[in-house]
Amino acid sequence: MSGRKQFNEDYVLDAAMKVFWHQGYEATSLSDLEAATGLNKSSIYNTYQNKEALFNRCLERFIEKYGEEAIAKLDHPDFKTAITGFFDQLFKAYDNPDLPTGCLATMATMEVGGADNQASELVIKLMERMRTCFEQRCKQAVNDGQLDASSDCAALAAMILSMTRGIAVLNRGYGDLDIARQAINGMLSGMLPSQQ
């Protein structure tokens, strides 16, 4: 039995993820992680090597659980519905009382982004994936006549990406999503032709 995990890793990662999400990477101690996961320090080290590696695994799980579901909404044929669906999927996580406010990936961006570490690489990879998906979706909308033919799809994608980070900060700061929803509506009003 030695060397085999004696715990549910999904449960452990979700519990650790919530602690990092709520407190941030630096403020989270091994004791906090032990209390949240039910694992002792040696089990954490034996499985994940160190706090940074556990944080990286939690960030990967966050992206898998919340990012991919939102990105899938961009497949809707109607551009406005696709973008609204993407943000509505994010809002579901923000509205969940069992989850901390804001966004773990955004917090990681502000705390460890730009550094030479795996967490920063994961965040950059997620941001680039979203930016690329937004740009492709905008180009599709131009081809479908749902966006003006002169639309700068790269600029629109950058604006939508910025909005994803901004609403997470608004949610963390205000504790609700009213301002974020107003911001999304304003962005879409500016992007879409007046007849839509």
C-alpha atoms as a PDB file:
ATOM      1  CA  MET A   1       0.000   0.000   0.000  1.00  0.00           C
ATOM      2  CA  SER A   2       3.018   2.261   0.388  1.00  0.00           C
ATOM      3  CA  GLY A   3       3.255   4.971  -2.264  1.00  0.00           C
ATOM      4  CA  ARG A   4      -0.465   4.816  -3.121  1.00  0.00           C
ATOM      5  CA  LYS A   5      -2.694   7.797  -2.473  1.00  0.00           C
ATOM      6  CA  GLN A   6      -5.061   7.170   0.423  1.00  0.00           C
ATOM      7  CA  PHE A   7      -7.249  10.198  -0.318  1.00  0.00           C
ATOM      8  CA  ASN A   8      -9.574  11.648  -2.940  1.00  0.00           C
ATOM      9  CA  GLU A   9      -7.336  13.977  -4.942  1.00  0.00           C
ATOM     10  CA  ASP A  10     -10.245  15.930  -6.454  1.00  0.00           C
ATOM     11  CA  TYR A  11     -11.489  16.731  -2.941  1.00  0.00           C
ATOM     12  CA  VAL A  12      -7.997  17.743  -1.804  1.00  0.00           C
ATOM     13  CA  LEU A  13      -7.405  19.969  -4.836  1.00  0.00           C
ATOM     14  CA  ASP A  14     -10.816  21.638  -4.504  1.00  0.00           C
ATOM     15  CA  ALA A  15     -10.235  22.290  -0.804  1.00  0.00           C
ATOM     16  CA  ALA A  16      -6.721  23.648  -1.351  1.00  0.00           C
ATOM     17  CA  MET A  17      -7.915  25.686  -4.344  1.00  0.00           C
ATOM     18  CA  LYS A  18     -10.500  27.480  -2.197  1.00  0.00           C
ATOM     19  CA  VAL A  19      -7.852  28.394   0.378  1.00  0.00           C
ATOM     20  CA  PHE A  20      -5.490  29.812  -2.263  1.00  0.00           C
ATOM     21  CA  TRP A  21      -8.433  31.547  -3.963  1.00  0.00           C
ATOM     22  CA  HIS A  22      -9.581  33.175  -0.727  1.00  0.00           C
ATOM     23  CA  GLN A  23      -6.198  34.068   0.787  1.00  0.00           C
ATOM     24  CA  GLY A  24      -3.758  34.234  -2.118  1.00  0.00           C
ATOM     25  CA  TYR A  25      -0.595  32.227  -2.599  1.00  0.00           C
ATOM     26  CA  GLU A  26       1.761  34.055  -0.240  1.00  0.00           C
ATOM     27  CA  ALA A  27      -0.733  34.325   2.637  1.00  0.00           C
ATOM     28  CA  THR A  28      -1.578  30.619   2.551  1.00  0.00           C
ATOM     29  CA  SER A  29       0.471  28.524   4.957  1.00  0.00           C
ATOM     30  CA  LEU A  30       1.048  24.775   5.058  1.00  0.00           C
ATOM     31  CA  SER A  31      -1.038  24.747   8.237  1.00  0.00           C
ATOM     32  CA  ASP A  32      -3.947  26.340   6.328  1.00  0.00           C
ATOM     33  CA  LEU A  33      -3.645  23.664   3.655  1.00  0.00           C
ATOM     34  CA  GLU A  34      -3.474  20.872   6.236  1.00  0.00           C
ATOM     35  CA  ALA A  35      -6.631  22.158   7.928  1.00  0.00           C
ATOM     36  CA  ALA A  36      -8.525  22.506   4.636  1.00  0.00           C
ATOM     37  CA  THR A  37      -7.497  19.229   3.027  1.00  0.00           C
ATOM     38  CA  GLY A  38      -7.209  16.965   6.051  1.00  0.00           C
ATOM     39  CA  LEU A  39      -3.740  15.916   4.884  1.00  0.00           C
ATOM     40  CA  ASN A  40      -0.686  16.262   7.072  1.00  0.00           C
ATOM     41  CA  LYS A  41       2.426  18.090   5.953  1.00  0.00           C
ATOM     42  CA  SER A  42       4.275  14.908   4.951  1.00  0.00           C
ATOM     43  CA  SER A  43       1.362  13.758   2.752  1.00  0.00           C
ATOM     44  CA  ILE A  44       1.294  17.150   1.024  1.00  0.00           C
ATOM     45  CA  TYR A  45       5.035  17.040   0.414  1.00  0.00           C
ATOM     46  CA  ASN A  46       5.008  13.381  -0.671  1.00  0.00           C
ATOM     47  CA  THR A  47       2.251  14.049  -3.206  1.00  0.00           C
ATOM     48  CA  TYR A  48       2.994  17.591  -4.418  1.00  0.00           C
ATOM     49  CA  GLN A  49       6.621  18.228  -3.334  1.00  0.00           C
ATOM     50  CA  ASN A  50       5.911  21.772  -2.067  1.00  0.00           C
ATOM     51  CA  LYS A  51       3.339  24.542  -1.735  1.00  0.00           C
ATOM     52  CA  GLU A  52       4.140  25.997  -5.153  1.00  0.00           C
ATOM     53  CA  ALA A  53       3.550  22.678  -6.905  1.00  0.00           C
ATOM     54  CA  LEU A  54       0.223  22.240  -5.089  1.00  0.00           C
ATOM     55  CA  PHE A  55      -0.784  25.790  -6.046  1.00  0.00           C
ATOM     56  CA  ASN A  56       0.075  25.084  -9.693  1.00  0.00           C
ATOM     57  CA  ARG A  57      -2.033  21.919  -9.638  1.00  0.00           C
ATOM     58  CA  CYS A  58      -4.921  23.888  -8.073  1.00  0.00           C
ATOM     59  CA  LEU A  59      -4.592  26.540 -10.781  1.00  0.00           C
ATOM     60  CA  GLU A  60      -4.689  23.838 -13.465  1.00  0.00           C
ATOM     61  CA  ARG A  61      -7.811  22.376 -11.873  1.00  0.00           C
ATOM     62  CA  PHE A  62      -9.426  25.824 -11.687  1.00  0.00           C
ATOM     63  CA  ILE A  63      -8.813  26.351 -15.400  1.00  0.00           C
ATOM     64  CA  GLU A  64     -10.182  22.883 -16.203  1.00  0.00           C
ATOM     65  CA  LYS A  65     -13.311  23.342 -14.060  1.00  0.00           C
ATOM     66  CA  TYR A  66     -14.229  26.939 -14.805  1.00  0.00           C
ATOM     67  CA  GLY A  67     -12.300  28.207 -17.831  1.00  0.00           C
ATOM     68  CA  GLU A  68     -13.053  25.437 -20.300  1.00  0.00           C
ATOM     69  CA  GLU A  69     -16.823  25.493 -19.644  1.00  0.00           C
ATOM     70  CA  ALA A  70     -16.900  29.229 -20.337  1.00  0.00           C
ATOM     71  CA  ILE A  71     -14.815  28.933 -23.508  1.00  0.00           C
ATOM     72  CA  ALA A  72     -17.207  26.246 -24.827  1.00  0.00           C
ATOM     73  CA  LYS A  73     -20.029  28.840 -24.780  1.00  0.00           C
ATOM     74  CA  LEU A  74     -18.272  30.750 -27.574  1.00  0.00           C
ATOM     75  CA  ASP A  75     -19.417  28.059 -30.025  1.00  0.00           C
ATOM     76  CA  HIS A  76     -22.958  29.484 -30.133  1.00  0.00           C
ATOM     77  CA  PRO A  77     -23.737  30.740 -33.673  1.00  0.00           C
ATOM     78  CA  ASP A  78     -25.115  34.081 -32.454  1.00  0.00           C
ATOM     79  CA  PHE A  79     -22.232  36.362 -31.443  1.00  0.00           C
ATOM     80  CA  LYS A  80     -24.049  38.237 -28.690  1.00  0.00           C
ATOM     81  CA  THR A  81     -25.364  34.981 -27.209  1.00  0.00           C
ATOM     82  CA  ALA A  82     -21.885  33.450 -27.414  1.00  0.00           C
ATOM     83  CA  ILE A  83     -20.199  36.320 -25.557  1.00  0.00           C
ATOM     84  CA  THR A  84     -23.041  36.648 -23.048  1.00  0.00           C
ATOM     85  CA  GLY A  85     -22.964  32.876 -22.496  1.00  0.00           C
ATOM     86  CA  PHE A  86     -19.225  33.008 -21.842  1.00  0.00           C
ATOM     87  CA  PHE A  87     -19.653  35.660 -19.153  1.00  0.00           C
ATOM     88  CA  ASP A  88     -22.781  34.006 -17.731  1.00  0.00           C
ATOM     89  CA  GLN A  89     -20.707  30.866 -17.209  1.00  0.00           C
ATOM     90  CA  LEU A  90     -18.129  32.906 -15.293  1.00  0.00           C
ATOM     91  CA  PHE A  91     -20.901  34.547 -13.284  1.00  0.00           C
ATOM     92  CA  LYS A  92     -22.157  31.109 -12.190  1.00  0.00           C
ATOM     93  CA  ALA A  93     -18.884  30.574 -10.349  1.00  0.00           C
ATOM     94  CA  TYR A  94     -18.950  34.115  -8.966  1.00  0.00           C
ATOM     95  CA  ASP A  95     -22.537  33.618  -7.756  1.00  0.00           C
ATOM     96  CA  ASN A  96     -21.709  30.317  -6.044  1.00  0.00           C
ATOM     97  CA  PRO A  97     -21.788  30.954  -2.266  1.00  0.00           C
ATOM     98  CA  ASP A  98     -19.476  27.973  -1.716  1.00  0.00           C
ATOM     99  CA  LEU A  99     -16.684  29.669  -3.684  1.00  0.00           C
ATOM    100  CA  PRO A 100     -14.616  32.736  -2.807  1.00  0.00           C
ATOM    101  CA  THR A 101     -15.315  35.969  -4.689  1.00  0.00           C
ATOM    102  CA  GLY A 102     -13.242  36.925  -7.698  1.00  0.00           C
ATOM    103  CA  CYS A 103     -11.166  34.563  -9.790  1.00  0.00           C
ATOM    104  CA  LEU A 104      -8.207  32.406  -8.810  1.00  0.00           C
ATOM    105  CA  ALA A 105      -6.517  32.938 -12.185  1.00  0.00           C
ATOM    106  CA  THR A 106      -6.863  36.730 -11.884  1.00  0.00           C
ATOM    107  CA  MET A 107      -5.488  36.669  -8.356  1.00  0.00           C
ATOM    108  CA  ALA A 108      -2.599  34.519  -9.564  1.00  0.00           C
ATOM    109  CA  THR A 109      -1.968  36.982 -12.399  1.00  0.00           C
ATOM    110  CA  MET A 110      -1.662  39.854  -9.948  1.00  0.00           C
ATOM    111  CA  GLU A 111       0.354  37.915  -7.392  1.00  0.00           C
ATOM    112  CA  VAL A 112       2.747  35.744  -9.409  1.00  0.00           C
ATOM    113  CA  GLY A 113       2.250  36.916 -12.999  1.00  0.00           C
ATOM    114  CA  GLY A 114       5.354  38.068 -14.804  1.00  0.00           C
ATOM    115  CA  ALA A 115       7.625  35.969 -12.611  1.00  0.00           C
ATOM    116  CA  ASP A 116       9.645  33.094 -13.993  1.00  0.00           C
ATOM    117  CA  ASN A 117       7.578  30.248 -12.551  1.00  0.00           C
ATOM    118  CA  GLN A 118       5.057  27.619 -13.598  1.00  0.00           C
ATOM    119  CA  ALA A 119       2.054  29.505 -12.187  1.00  0.00           C
ATOM    120  CA  SER A 120       2.886  32.506 -14.352  1.00  0.00           C
ATOM    121  CA  GLU A 121       3.224  30.233 -17.381  1.00  0.00           C
ATOM    122  CA  LEU A 122      -0.168  28.658 -16.655  1.00  0.00           C
ATOM    123  CA  VAL A 123      -1.826  32.079 -16.372  1.00  0.00           C
ATOM    124  CA  ILE A 124      -0.228  33.312 -19.603  1.00  0.00           C
ATOM    125  CA  LYS A 125      -1.310  30.122 -21.378  1.00  0.00           C
ATOM    126  CA  LEU A 126      -4.915  30.609 -20.205  1.00  0.00           C
ATOM    127  CA  MET A 127      -4.947  34.303 -21.185  1.00  0.00           C
ATOM    128  CA  GLU A 128      -3.530  33.533 -24.630  1.00  0.00           C
ATOM    129  CA  ARG A 129      -6.034  30.723 -25.175  1.00  0.00           C
ATOM    130  CA  MET A 130      -8.927  33.017 -24.278  1.00  0.00           C
ATOM    131  CA  ARG A 131      -7.584  35.911 -26.384  1.00  0.00           C
ATOM    132  CA  THR A 132      -7.194  33.601 -29.387  1.00  0.00           C
ATOM    133  CA  CYS A 133     -10.697  32.176 -28.927  1.00  0.00           C
ATOM    134  CA  PHE A 134     -12.186  35.680 -28.668  1.00  0.00           C
ATOM    135  CA  GLU A 135     -10.362  36.840 -31.787  1.00  0.00           C
ATOM    136  CA  GLN A 136     -11.499  33.790 -33.770  1.00  0.00           C
ATOM    137  CA  ARG A 137     -15.079  34.298 -32.556  1.00  0.00           C
ATOM    138  CA  CYS A 138     -14.987  37.970 -33.578  1.00  0.00           C
ATOM    139  CA  LYS A 139     -13.673  37.038 -37.033  1.00  0.00           C
ATOM    140  CA  GLN A 140     -16.492  34.518 -37.380  1.00  0.00           C
ATOM    141  CA  ALA A 141     -18.984  37.228 -36.396  1.00  0.00           C
ATOM    142  CA  VAL A 142     -17.529  39.550 -39.060  1.00  0.00           C
ATOM    143  CA  ASN A 143     -17.853  36.785 -41.659  1.00  0.00           C
ATOM    144  CA  ASP A 144     -21.442  36.126 -40.524  1.00  0.00           C
ATOM    145  CA  GLY A 145     -22.326  39.826 -40.758  1.00  0.00           C
ATOM    146  CA  GLN A 146     -22.922  40.086 -37.002  1.00  0.00           C
ATOM    147  CA  LEU A 147     -20.022  42.517 -36.511  1.00  0.00           C
ATOM    148  CA  ASP A 148     -19.073  45.406 -38.782  1.00  0.00           C
ATOM    149  CA  ALA A 149     -16.695  44.397 -41.571  1.00  0.00           C
ATOM    150  CA  SER A 150     -14.193  47.030 -40.429  1.00  0.00           C
ATOM    151  CA  SER A 151     -13.995  45.603 -36.894  1.00  0.00           C
ATOM    152  CA  ASP A 152     -10.474  45.179 -35.491  1.00  0.00           C
ATOM    153  CA  CYS A 153     -10.874  41.640 -34.192  1.00  0.00           C
ATOM    154  CA  ALA A 154      -7.517  41.624 -32.369  1.00  0.00           C
ATOM    155  CA  ALA A 155      -8.462  44.807 -30.505  1.00  0.00           C
ATOM    156  CA  LEU A 156     -11.935  43.476 -29.686  1.00  0.00           C
ATOM    157  CA  ALA A 157     -10.419  40.235 -28.376  1.00  0.00           C
ATOM    158  CA  ALA A 158      -8.034  42.214 -26.163  1.00  0.00           C
ATOM    159  CA  MET A 159     -10.977  44.258 -24.843  1.00  0.00           C
ATOM    160  CA  ILE A 160     -13.037  41.143 -24.046  1.00  0.00           C
ATOM    161  CA  LEU A 161     -10.028  39.532 -22.366  1.00  0.00           C
ATOM    162  CA  SER A 162      -9.490  42.671 -20.275  1.00  0.00           C
ATOM    163  CA  MET A 163     -13.155  42.541 -19.297  1.00  0.00           C
ATOM    164  CA  THR A 164     -12.766  38.965 -18.033  1.00  0.00           C
ATOM    165  CA  ARG A 165     -10.099  40.150 -15.593  1.00  0.00           C
ATOM    166  CA  GLY A 166     -11.925  43.368 -14.748  1.00  0.00           C
ATOM    167  CA  ILE A 167     -15.187  41.714 -13.751  1.00  0.00           C
ATOM    168  CA  ALA A 168     -13.285  39.348 -11.449  1.00  0.00           C
ATOM    169  CA  VAL A 169     -11.749  42.339  -9.680  1.00  0.00           C
ATOM    170  CA  LEU A 170     -15.145  44.090  -9.510  1.00  0.00           C
ATOM    171  CA  ASN A 171     -16.697  40.951  -8.041  1.00  0.00           C
ATOM    172  CA  ARG A 172     -13.936  40.717  -5.450  1.00  0.00           C
ATOM    173  CA  GLY A 173     -14.203  44.409  -4.607  1.00  0.00           C
ATOM    174  CA  TYR A 174     -17.985  44.838  -4.597  1.00  0.00           C
ATOM    175  CA  GLY A 175     -18.980  41.317  -3.601  1.00  0.00           C
ATOM    176  CA  ASP A 176     -21.731  41.245  -6.231  1.00  0.00           C
ATOM    177  CA  LEU A 177     -22.040  41.241 -10.007  1.00  0.00           C
ATOM    178  CA  ASP A 178     -24.319  44.206 -10.786  1.00  0.00           C
ATOM    179  CA  ILE A 179     -21.468  46.489 -11.896  1.00  0.00           C
ATOM    180  CA  ALA A 180     -19.877  43.646 -13.851  1.00  0.00           C
ATOM    181  CA  ARG A 181     -23.121  42.941 -15.725  1.00  0.00           C
ATOM    182  CA  GLN A 182     -23.473  46.640 -16.567  1.00  0.00           C
ATOM    183  CA  ALA A 183     -19.923  46.611 -17.916  1.00  0.00           C
ATOM    184  CA  ILE A 184     -20.608  43.571 -20.130  1.00  0.00           C
ATOM    185  CA  ASN A 185     -23.796  45.163 -21.504  1.00  0.00           C
ATOM    186  CA  GLY A 186     -21.911  48.388 -22.233  1.00  0.00           C
ATOM    187  CA  MET A 187     -19.115  46.518 -23.998  1.00  0.00           C
ATOM    188  CA  LEU A 188     -21.556  44.597 -26.199  1.00  0.00           C
ATOM    189  CA  SER A 189     -23.523  47.764 -27.022  1.00  0.00           C
ATOM    190  CA  GLY A 190     -20.317  49.359 -28.255  1.00  0.00           C
ATOM    191  CA  MET A 191     -19.309  46.338 -30.339  1.00  0.00           C
ATOM    192  CA  LEU A 192     -22.557  45.392 -32.044  1.00  0.00           C
ATOM    193  CA  PRO A 193     -24.194  47.279 -34.902  1.00  0.00           C
ATOM    194  CA  SER A 194     -27.112  49.418 -33.685  1.00  0.00           C
ATOM    195  CA  GLN A 195     -29.770  47.166 -35.258  1.00  0.00           C
ATOM    196  CA  GLN A 196     -28.747  44.345 -32.885  1.00  0.00           C
END
